[in-house]
Amino acid sequence: MLIRDETPGDAPVIGRLVTEALLLLAQSTGTEARIVEALRAEGALALSLVAEDAGEVIGYLAASAARIETQDGWGLIGPLVVAPSRHRQGIGTALMAQALRRLRTTCRGAALVGDPAYYGRFGFRAFPGLGVAGCPPEVVQALPFDGVAPCGELIHHPAFGLDQPA
């Protein structure tokens, strides 16, 4: 398996993979592939990584710039998806490890909205006062690289459609 940057020819398969993988989640809105397309179109993808095996894209991770209240410099991870037929093979772990290595060189920390049981193994956790309107606080998580606990609203790129302050 190879973890690499997205190439222009990967965009259609990434869209299909994101949709297919996230349809399995109850909280999926069906708009996730369009969010990735909008981030790509606006040049807002800080990372766009694919996992490839035998020439087939089997996993994907996006990261975009975010801020927590007035603190710029956060990397927002999401989506992270793996082809349903390839779950539990370490693909998501490999994508996340590569993303965190790269984000550590450019960001003060990484943040995401996701399952604490899954993302906790990478060091992500909820922090008192860290949130996203409409999300349960336990799913809004961060991994500060500088050890400083984040506090405030996690502000996503407008492509996410959360109607947050810019």
N, C-alpha and C. Protein backbone atom coordinates (compact mmCIF):
# COMPACT_ATOMS: atom_id res chain seq x y z
N MET A 1 0.85 -1.18 0.00
CA MET A 1 0.00 0.00 0.00
C MET A 1 0.89 1.25 0.00
N LEU A 2 0.45 2.24 -0.74
CA LEU A 2 1.17 3.50 -0.90
C LEU A 2 0.28 4.64 -0.43
N ILE A 3 0.81 5.53 0.40
CA ILE A 3 0.12 6.77 0.77
C ILE A 3 0.79 7.88 -0.04
N ARG A 4 -0.03 8.62 -0.80
CA ARG A 4 0.52 9.66 -1.66
C ARG A 4 -0.43 10.84 -1.74
N ASP A 5 0.07 11.95 -2.29
CA ASP A 5 -0.78 13.10 -2.54
C ASP A 5 -1.74 12.79 -3.68
N GLU A 6 -2.90 13.37 -3.60
CA GLU A 6 -3.88 13.27 -4.67
C GLU A 6 -3.29 13.84 -5.96
N THR A 7 -3.64 13.23 -7.08
CA THR A 7 -3.33 13.79 -8.40
C THR A 7 -4.65 14.19 -9.05
N PRO A 8 -4.61 15.06 -10.07
CA PRO A 8 -5.86 15.51 -10.70
C PRO A 8 -6.77 14.36 -11.16
N GLY A 9 -6.20 13.30 -11.64
CA GLY A 9 -7.00 12.17 -12.10
C GLY A 9 -7.71 11.40 -10.99
N ASP A 10 -7.33 11.65 -9.74
CA ASP A 10 -7.93 10.94 -8.60
C ASP A 10 -9.29 11.51 -8.20
N ALA A 11 -9.59 12.75 -8.58
CA ALA A 11 -10.78 13.43 -8.07
C ALA A 11 -12.07 12.63 -8.24
N PRO A 12 -12.37 12.07 -9.42
CA PRO A 12 -13.64 11.33 -9.55
C PRO A 12 -13.73 10.11 -8.62
N VAL A 13 -12.65 9.35 -8.51
CA VAL A 13 -12.69 8.16 -7.66
C VAL A 13 -12.75 8.56 -6.19
N ILE A 14 -12.11 9.67 -5.82
CA ILE A 14 -12.20 10.15 -4.44
C ILE A 14 -13.65 10.49 -4.12
N GLY A 15 -14.32 11.19 -5.02
CA GLY A 15 -15.73 11.52 -4.79
C GLY A 15 -16.59 10.29 -4.58
N ARG A 16 -16.39 9.28 -5.42
CA ARG A 16 -17.17 8.04 -5.27
C ARG A 16 -16.84 7.33 -3.96
N LEU A 17 -15.55 7.28 -3.61
CA LEU A 17 -15.12 6.61 -2.39
C LEU A 17 -15.68 7.32 -1.15
N VAL A 18 -15.61 8.64 -1.12
CA VAL A 18 -16.14 9.40 0.01
C VAL A 18 -17.63 9.13 0.18
N THR A 19 -18.37 9.17 -0.91
CA THR A 19 -19.81 8.93 -0.84
C THR A 19 -20.11 7.51 -0.37
N GLU A 20 -19.45 6.53 -0.99
CA GLU A 20 -19.69 5.12 -0.64
C GLU A 20 -19.35 4.84 0.81
N ALA A 21 -18.21 5.30 1.26
CA ALA A 21 -17.77 5.01 2.63
C ALA A 21 -18.65 5.69 3.67
N LEU A 22 -19.03 6.93 3.41
CA LEU A 22 -19.79 7.68 4.42
C LEU A 22 -21.27 7.34 4.45
N LEU A 23 -21.78 6.70 3.42
CA LEU A 23 -23.17 6.26 3.46
C LEU A 23 -23.42 5.26 4.57
N LEU A 24 -22.36 4.64 5.06
CA LEU A 24 -22.47 3.66 6.14
C LEU A 24 -22.72 4.32 7.49
N LEU A 25 -22.48 5.65 7.59
CA LEU A 25 -22.61 6.36 8.86
C LEU A 25 -23.96 7.05 8.97
N ALA A 26 -24.59 6.90 10.11
CA ALA A 26 -25.91 7.51 10.33
C ALA A 26 -25.85 9.03 10.20
N GLN A 27 -24.74 9.64 10.60
CA GLN A 27 -24.64 11.09 10.59
C GLN A 27 -24.26 11.66 9.22
N SER A 28 -24.04 10.81 8.23
CA SER A 28 -23.67 11.28 6.90
C SER A 28 -24.80 12.12 6.31
N THR A 29 -24.41 13.21 5.67
CA THR A 29 -25.39 14.09 5.04
C THR A 29 -25.49 13.85 3.54
N GLY A 30 -24.56 13.07 2.99
CA GLY A 30 -24.53 12.85 1.56
C GLY A 30 -23.87 13.99 0.80
N THR A 31 -23.41 15.01 1.52
CA THR A 31 -22.77 16.17 0.88
C THR A 31 -21.26 16.16 1.01
N GLU A 32 -20.71 15.15 1.63
CA GLU A 32 -19.28 15.14 1.95
C GLU A 32 -18.40 15.22 0.69
N ALA A 33 -18.76 14.51 -0.37
CA ALA A 33 -17.96 14.57 -1.59
C ALA A 33 -18.00 15.97 -2.19
N ARG A 34 -19.15 16.64 -2.11
CA ARG A 34 -19.25 18.01 -2.62
C ARG A 34 -18.40 18.97 -1.78
N ILE A 35 -18.31 18.70 -0.49
CA ILE A 35 -17.45 19.53 0.37
C ILE A 35 -16.00 19.41 -0.07
N VAL A 36 -15.55 18.18 -0.32
CA VAL A 36 -14.18 17.96 -0.79
C VAL A 36 -13.98 18.66 -2.13
N GLU A 37 -14.94 18.56 -3.04
CA GLU A 37 -14.84 19.23 -4.34
C GLU A 37 -14.72 20.74 -4.16
N ALA A 38 -15.51 21.31 -3.25
CA ALA A 38 -15.47 22.76 -3.02
C ALA A 38 -14.14 23.17 -2.41
N LEU A 39 -13.64 22.40 -1.46
CA LEU A 39 -12.33 22.69 -0.87
C LEU A 39 -11.25 22.65 -1.95
N ARG A 40 -11.31 21.64 -2.81
CA ARG A 40 -10.33 21.50 -3.90
C ARG A 40 -10.43 22.71 -4.84
N ALA A 41 -11.65 23.07 -5.24
CA ALA A 41 -11.85 24.17 -6.18
C ALA A 41 -11.36 25.50 -5.62
N GLU A 42 -11.45 25.67 -4.31
CA GLU A 42 -11.03 26.92 -3.68
C GLU A 42 -9.58 26.90 -3.22
N GLY A 43 -8.86 25.83 -3.54
CA GLY A 43 -7.46 25.73 -3.14
C GLY A 43 -7.29 25.62 -1.64
N ALA A 44 -8.29 25.07 -0.96
CA ALA A 44 -8.30 25.05 0.50
C ALA A 44 -7.88 23.71 1.11
N LEU A 45 -7.45 22.77 0.29
CA LEU A 45 -6.99 21.50 0.84
C LEU A 45 -5.52 21.62 1.24
N ALA A 46 -5.27 21.62 2.53
CA ALA A 46 -3.90 21.63 3.03
C ALA A 46 -3.24 20.29 2.77
N LEU A 47 -4.04 19.22 2.87
CA LEU A 47 -3.60 17.86 2.55
C LEU A 47 -4.74 17.17 1.82
N SER A 48 -4.38 16.39 0.83
CA SER A 48 -5.35 15.55 0.12
C SER A 48 -4.61 14.26 -0.21
N LEU A 49 -4.72 13.30 0.70
CA LEU A 49 -3.93 12.08 0.64
C LEU A 49 -4.79 10.90 0.21
N VAL A 50 -4.23 10.05 -0.64
CA VAL A 50 -4.90 8.81 -1.01
C VAL A 50 -4.06 7.63 -0.58
N ALA A 51 -4.75 6.56 -0.25
CA ALA A 51 -4.11 5.27 -0.04
C ALA A 51 -4.39 4.46 -1.30
N GLU A 52 -3.33 3.92 -1.87
CA GLU A 52 -3.45 3.18 -3.13
C GLU A 52 -2.89 1.78 -2.94
N ASP A 53 -3.57 0.82 -3.50
CA ASP A 53 -3.10 -0.56 -3.47
C ASP A 53 -3.31 -1.15 -4.86
N ALA A 54 -2.25 -1.61 -5.46
CA ALA A 54 -2.30 -2.19 -6.80
C ALA A 54 -2.99 -1.26 -7.80
N GLY A 55 -2.70 0.03 -7.70
CA GLY A 55 -3.26 1.00 -8.61
C GLY A 55 -4.66 1.46 -8.31
N GLU A 56 -5.27 0.94 -7.24
CA GLU A 56 -6.64 1.29 -6.87
C GLU A 56 -6.64 2.20 -5.64
N VAL A 57 -7.40 3.29 -5.69
CA VAL A 57 -7.54 4.18 -4.54
C VAL A 57 -8.50 3.52 -3.55
N ILE A 58 -8.01 3.23 -2.36
CA ILE A 58 -8.80 2.50 -1.36
C ILE A 58 -9.04 3.30 -0.09
N GLY A 59 -8.44 4.50 0.00
CA GLY A 59 -8.63 5.34 1.16
C GLY A 59 -8.33 6.78 0.82
N TYR A 60 -8.86 7.68 1.65
CA TYR A 60 -8.68 9.10 1.39
C TYR A 60 -8.74 9.89 2.70
N LEU A 61 -7.91 10.92 2.79
CA LEU A 61 -7.93 11.84 3.92
C LEU A 61 -7.74 13.26 3.40
N ALA A 62 -8.61 14.15 3.84
CA ALA A 62 -8.49 15.57 3.53
C ALA A 62 -8.20 16.33 4.81
N ALA A 63 -7.44 17.41 4.67
CA ALA A 63 -7.24 18.35 5.78
C ALA A 63 -7.27 19.75 5.20
N SER A 64 -7.93 20.64 5.92
CA SER A 64 -8.03 22.03 5.50
C SER A 64 -7.69 22.92 6.68
N ALA A 65 -7.38 24.17 6.37
CA ALA A 65 -7.04 25.12 7.43
C ALA A 65 -8.29 25.44 8.25
N ALA A 66 -8.09 25.59 9.53
CA ALA A 66 -9.19 25.93 10.44
C ALA A 66 -8.63 26.83 11.53
N ARG A 67 -9.53 27.34 12.33
CA ARG A 67 -9.09 28.09 13.51
C ARG A 67 -10.00 27.71 14.67
N ILE A 68 -9.49 27.96 15.85
CA ILE A 68 -10.28 27.78 17.06
C ILE A 68 -10.39 29.16 17.69
N GLU A 69 -11.63 29.70 17.64
CA GLU A 69 -11.89 31.10 18.01
C GLU A 69 -10.99 31.99 17.18
N THR A 70 -10.01 32.62 17.80
CA THR A 70 -9.13 33.54 17.07
C THR A 70 -7.76 32.93 16.79
N GLN A 71 -7.56 31.66 17.18
CA GLN A 71 -6.26 31.00 16.97
C GLN A 71 -6.22 30.37 15.58
N ASP A 72 -5.50 30.98 14.66
CA ASP A 72 -5.27 30.37 13.35
C ASP A 72 -4.26 29.25 13.49
N GLY A 73 -4.05 28.53 12.41
CA GLY A 73 -2.97 27.55 12.39
C GLY A 73 -3.37 26.13 12.74
N TRP A 74 -4.66 25.84 12.74
CA TRP A 74 -5.10 24.48 13.00
C TRP A 74 -5.37 23.76 11.69
N GLY A 75 -5.10 22.46 11.66
CA GLY A 75 -5.43 21.62 10.52
C GLY A 75 -6.67 20.82 10.86
N LEU A 76 -7.71 20.99 10.06
CA LEU A 76 -8.97 20.27 10.27
C LEU A 76 -8.96 19.02 9.41
N ILE A 77 -9.01 17.88 10.04
CA ILE A 77 -8.99 16.61 9.32
C ILE A 77 -10.43 16.18 9.05
N GLY A 78 -10.68 15.84 7.81
CA GLY A 78 -11.98 15.29 7.45
C GLY A 78 -12.35 15.66 6.02
N PRO A 79 -12.86 14.69 5.33
CA PRO A 79 -13.14 13.34 5.78
C PRO A 79 -11.90 12.42 5.73
N LEU A 80 -12.00 11.37 6.50
CA LEU A 80 -11.08 10.24 6.45
C LEU A 80 -11.96 9.04 6.12
N VAL A 81 -11.71 8.42 4.96
CA VAL A 81 -12.56 7.30 4.54
C VAL A 81 -11.70 6.16 3.99
N VAL A 82 -12.24 4.97 4.12
CA VAL A 82 -11.62 3.77 3.57
C VAL A 82 -12.72 2.97 2.87
N ALA A 83 -12.39 2.39 1.75
CA ALA A 83 -13.35 1.55 1.03
C ALA A 83 -13.93 0.53 2.01
N PRO A 84 -15.26 0.40 2.06
CA PRO A 84 -15.86 -0.52 3.03
C PRO A 84 -15.29 -1.94 2.98
N SER A 85 -14.92 -2.43 1.80
CA SER A 85 -14.36 -3.79 1.69
C SER A 85 -12.95 -3.89 2.26
N ARG A 86 -12.34 -2.74 2.62
CA ARG A 86 -10.97 -2.74 3.10
C ARG A 86 -10.85 -2.26 4.55
N HIS A 87 -11.98 -2.19 5.26
CA HIS A 87 -11.93 -1.78 6.68
C HIS A 87 -11.09 -2.75 7.49
N ARG A 88 -10.56 -2.24 8.58
CA ARG A 88 -9.79 -3.02 9.56
C ARG A 88 -8.51 -3.63 8.98
N GLN A 89 -7.90 -2.92 8.04
CA GLN A 89 -6.64 -3.36 7.46
C GLN A 89 -5.52 -2.35 7.69
N GLY A 90 -5.76 -1.35 8.53
CA GLY A 90 -4.74 -0.37 8.85
C GLY A 90 -4.62 0.78 7.87
N ILE A 91 -5.54 0.88 6.93
CA ILE A 91 -5.46 1.92 5.91
C ILE A 91 -5.74 3.29 6.50
N GLY A 92 -6.80 3.40 7.29
CA GLY A 92 -7.11 4.67 7.94
C GLY A 92 -5.99 5.10 8.88
N THR A 93 -5.42 4.16 9.59
CA THR A 93 -4.31 4.44 10.50
C THR A 93 -3.11 4.97 9.73
N ALA A 94 -2.81 4.36 8.59
CA ALA A 94 -1.67 4.82 7.78
C ALA A 94 -1.92 6.23 7.24
N LEU A 95 -3.13 6.50 6.78
CA LEU A 95 -3.46 7.84 6.30
C LEU A 95 -3.33 8.87 7.42
N MET A 96 -3.86 8.54 8.59
CA MET A 96 -3.81 9.47 9.71
C MET A 96 -2.38 9.70 10.16
N ALA A 97 -1.57 8.66 10.22
CA ALA A 97 -0.17 8.82 10.64
C ALA A 97 0.57 9.77 9.70
N GLN A 98 0.36 9.59 8.40
CA GLN A 98 1.03 10.46 7.42
C GLN A 98 0.52 11.90 7.55
N ALA A 99 -0.78 12.06 7.71
CA ALA A 99 -1.36 13.40 7.85
C ALA A 99 -0.80 14.10 9.09
N LEU A 100 -0.76 13.43 10.22
CA LEU A 100 -0.26 14.05 11.44
C LEU A 100 1.21 14.41 11.32
N ARG A 101 2.01 13.55 10.69
CA ARG A 101 3.43 13.87 10.48
C ARG A 101 3.57 15.17 9.68
N ARG A 102 2.78 15.30 8.64
CA ARG A 102 2.88 16.48 7.79
C ARG A 102 2.29 17.72 8.44
N LEU A 103 1.18 17.58 9.13
CA LEU A 103 0.56 18.74 9.79
C LEU A 103 1.43 19.28 10.91
N ARG A 104 2.17 18.41 11.58
CA ARG A 104 3.05 18.86 12.68
C ARG A 104 4.08 19.88 12.19
N THR A 105 4.41 19.85 10.92
CA THR A 105 5.43 20.78 10.40
C THR A 105 4.84 22.15 10.06
N THR A 106 3.51 22.26 9.97
CA THR A 106 2.90 23.51 9.52
C THR A 106 1.81 24.05 10.44
N CYS A 107 1.34 23.25 11.38
CA CYS A 107 0.17 23.64 12.18
C CYS A 107 0.47 23.61 13.67
N ARG A 108 -0.34 24.34 14.42
CA ARG A 108 -0.23 24.31 15.89
C ARG A 108 -0.92 23.09 16.46
N GLY A 109 -1.79 22.46 15.65
CA GLY A 109 -2.49 21.26 16.09
C GLY A 109 -3.45 20.80 15.02
N ALA A 110 -4.05 19.65 15.27
CA ALA A 110 -5.05 19.09 14.36
C ALA A 110 -6.37 18.98 15.12
N ALA A 111 -7.46 19.13 14.40
CA ALA A 111 -8.79 19.04 15.00
C ALA A 111 -9.69 18.27 14.05
N LEU A 112 -10.79 17.76 14.59
CA LEU A 112 -11.75 17.03 13.78
C LEU A 112 -13.05 16.86 14.54
N VAL A 113 -14.04 16.41 13.81
CA VAL A 113 -15.32 16.01 14.40
C VAL A 113 -15.48 14.54 14.05
N GLY A 114 -15.50 13.68 15.07
CA GLY A 114 -15.56 12.25 14.79
C GLY A 114 -15.69 11.41 16.04
N ASP A 115 -15.66 10.11 15.83
CA ASP A 115 -15.86 9.11 16.87
C ASP A 115 -14.68 9.10 17.86
N PRO A 116 -14.94 9.43 19.12
CA PRO A 116 -13.85 9.45 20.11
C PRO A 116 -13.16 8.09 20.26
N ALA A 117 -13.90 7.01 20.12
CA ALA A 117 -13.30 5.68 20.27
C ALA A 117 -12.26 5.42 19.17
N TYR A 118 -12.50 5.92 17.98
CA TYR A 118 -11.56 5.72 16.88
C TYR A 118 -10.40 6.72 16.97
N TYR A 119 -10.72 8.00 17.05
CA TYR A 119 -9.69 9.02 16.96
C TYR A 119 -8.87 9.17 18.24
N GLY A 120 -9.37 8.68 19.35
CA GLY A 120 -8.62 8.74 20.60
C GLY A 120 -7.29 8.00 20.51
N ARG A 121 -7.22 6.98 19.71
CA ARG A 121 -5.97 6.22 19.62
C ARG A 121 -4.84 7.00 18.96
N PHE A 122 -5.20 8.09 18.27
CA PHE A 122 -4.19 8.95 17.65
C PHE A 122 -3.82 10.13 18.55
N GLY A 123 -4.45 10.21 19.72
CA GLY A 123 -4.17 11.30 20.65
C GLY A 123 -5.21 12.40 20.66
N PHE A 124 -6.22 12.30 19.81
CA PHE A 124 -7.29 13.30 19.80
C PHE A 124 -8.16 13.13 21.03
N ARG A 125 -8.66 14.25 21.56
CA ARG A 125 -9.60 14.19 22.66
C ARG A 125 -10.43 15.47 22.68
N ALA A 126 -11.55 15.39 23.37
CA ALA A 126 -12.39 16.57 23.57
C ALA A 126 -11.76 17.44 24.64
N PHE A 127 -11.97 18.73 24.53
CA PHE A 127 -11.48 19.68 25.52
C PHE A 127 -12.65 20.51 26.01
N PRO A 128 -12.70 20.84 27.31
CA PRO A 128 -13.77 21.70 27.81
C PRO A 128 -13.78 23.03 27.05
N GLY A 129 -14.94 23.40 26.56
CA GLY A 129 -15.07 24.67 25.86
C GLY A 129 -14.78 24.60 24.37
N LEU A 130 -14.28 23.47 23.87
CA LEU A 130 -14.05 23.31 22.44
C LEU A 130 -15.33 22.79 21.82
N GLY A 131 -15.81 23.44 20.77
CA GLY A 131 -17.07 22.96 20.22
C GLY A 131 -17.34 23.42 18.80
N VAL A 132 -18.39 22.84 18.26
CA VAL A 132 -18.98 23.21 16.98
C VAL A 132 -20.48 23.23 17.23
N ALA A 133 -21.12 24.32 16.88
CA ALA A 133 -22.57 24.44 17.11
C ALA A 133 -23.30 23.25 16.50
N GLY A 134 -24.17 22.65 17.29
CA GLY A 134 -24.97 21.53 16.83
C GLY A 134 -24.32 20.18 16.95
N CYS A 135 -23.08 20.13 17.39
CA CYS A 135 -22.38 18.84 17.55
C CYS A 135 -22.24 18.51 19.03
N PRO A 136 -22.43 17.23 19.39
CA PRO A 136 -22.16 16.84 20.78
C PRO A 136 -20.70 17.14 21.12
N PRO A 137 -20.43 17.69 22.29
CA PRO A 137 -19.05 18.10 22.62
C PRO A 137 -18.03 16.98 22.57
N GLU A 138 -18.45 15.75 22.83
CA GLU A 138 -17.47 14.66 22.86
C GLU A 138 -16.92 14.31 21.48
N VAL A 139 -17.60 14.71 20.40
CA VAL A 139 -17.11 14.38 19.06
C VAL A 139 -16.23 15.47 18.46
N VAL A 140 -16.18 16.64 19.10
CA VAL A 140 -15.31 17.73 18.65
C VAL A 140 -13.99 17.56 19.39
N GLN A 141 -12.95 17.19 18.65
CA GLN A 141 -11.70 16.77 19.27
C GLN A 141 -10.51 17.50 18.66
N ALA A 142 -9.46 17.57 19.43
CA ALA A 142 -8.24 18.22 18.96
C ALA A 142 -7.02 17.47 19.47
N LEU A 143 -5.94 17.71 18.77
CA LEU A 143 -4.62 17.20 19.15
C LEU A 143 -3.66 18.38 19.03
N PRO A 144 -3.48 19.14 20.13
CA PRO A 144 -2.58 20.29 20.06
C PRO A 144 -1.12 19.81 20.02
N PHE A 145 -0.38 20.28 19.04
CA PHE A 145 1.02 19.88 18.92
C PHE A 145 1.91 20.63 19.90
N ASP A 146 1.43 21.78 20.37
CA ASP A 146 2.22 22.59 21.30
C ASP A 146 1.82 22.35 22.77
N GLY A 147 0.88 21.43 23.01
CA GLY A 147 0.46 21.11 24.37
C GLY A 147 -0.52 22.09 24.99
N VAL A 148 -0.87 23.17 24.27
CA VAL A 148 -1.79 24.17 24.80
C VAL A 148 -3.22 23.75 24.48
N ALA A 149 -4.04 23.58 25.51
CA ALA A 149 -5.42 23.13 25.33
C ALA A 149 -6.23 24.17 24.55
N PRO A 150 -6.88 23.75 23.48
CA PRO A 150 -7.70 24.67 22.71
C PRO A 150 -9.04 24.91 23.39
N CYS A 151 -9.58 26.11 23.23
CA CYS A 151 -10.87 26.44 23.80
C CYS A 151 -11.57 27.42 22.87
N GLY A 152 -12.81 27.10 22.53
CA GLY A 152 -13.59 27.98 21.68
C GLY A 152 -14.23 27.22 20.55
N GLU A 153 -14.83 27.96 19.64
CA GLU A 153 -15.51 27.38 18.49
C GLU A 153 -14.49 26.95 17.44
N LEU A 154 -14.60 25.70 16.98
CA LEU A 154 -13.77 25.20 15.89
C LEU A 154 -14.39 25.71 14.59
N ILE A 155 -13.69 26.62 13.92
CA ILE A 155 -14.20 27.27 12.72
C ILE A 155 -13.69 26.54 11.48
N HIS A 156 -14.63 25.96 10.73
CA HIS A 156 -14.34 25.23 9.50
C HIS A 156 -14.29 26.20 8.31
N HIS A 157 -13.73 25.75 7.22
CA HIS A 157 -13.78 26.49 5.96
C HIS A 157 -15.25 26.63 5.53
N PRO A 158 -15.62 27.72 4.87
CA PRO A 158 -17.01 27.90 4.44
C PRO A 158 -17.55 26.77 3.56
N ALA A 159 -16.70 26.01 2.90
CA ALA A 159 -17.16 24.90 2.06
C ALA A 159 -17.96 23.87 2.86
N PHE A 160 -17.76 23.83 4.17
CA PHE A 160 -18.49 22.88 5.00
C PHE A 160 -19.95 23.29 5.20
N GLY A 161 -20.26 24.55 4.91
CA GLY A 161 -21.63 25.00 5.00
C GLY A 161 -22.19 25.10 6.41
N LEU A 162 -21.36 25.44 7.36
CA LEU A 162 -21.80 25.49 8.76
C LEU A 162 -22.26 26.88 9.18
N ASP A 163 -22.20 27.85 8.28
CA ASP A 163 -22.61 29.22 8.60
C ASP A 163 -21.90 29.76 9.84
N GLN A 164 -20.61 29.54 9.90
CA GLN A 164 -19.80 30.04 11.00
C GLN A 164 -19.20 31.39 10.60
N PRO A 165 -18.75 32.17 11.57
CA PRO A 165 -18.08 33.42 11.23
C PRO A 165 -16.81 33.15 10.45
N ALA A 166 -16.52 33.97 9.49
CA ALA A 166 -15.31 33.78 8.67
C ALA A 166 -14.06 34.24 9.39
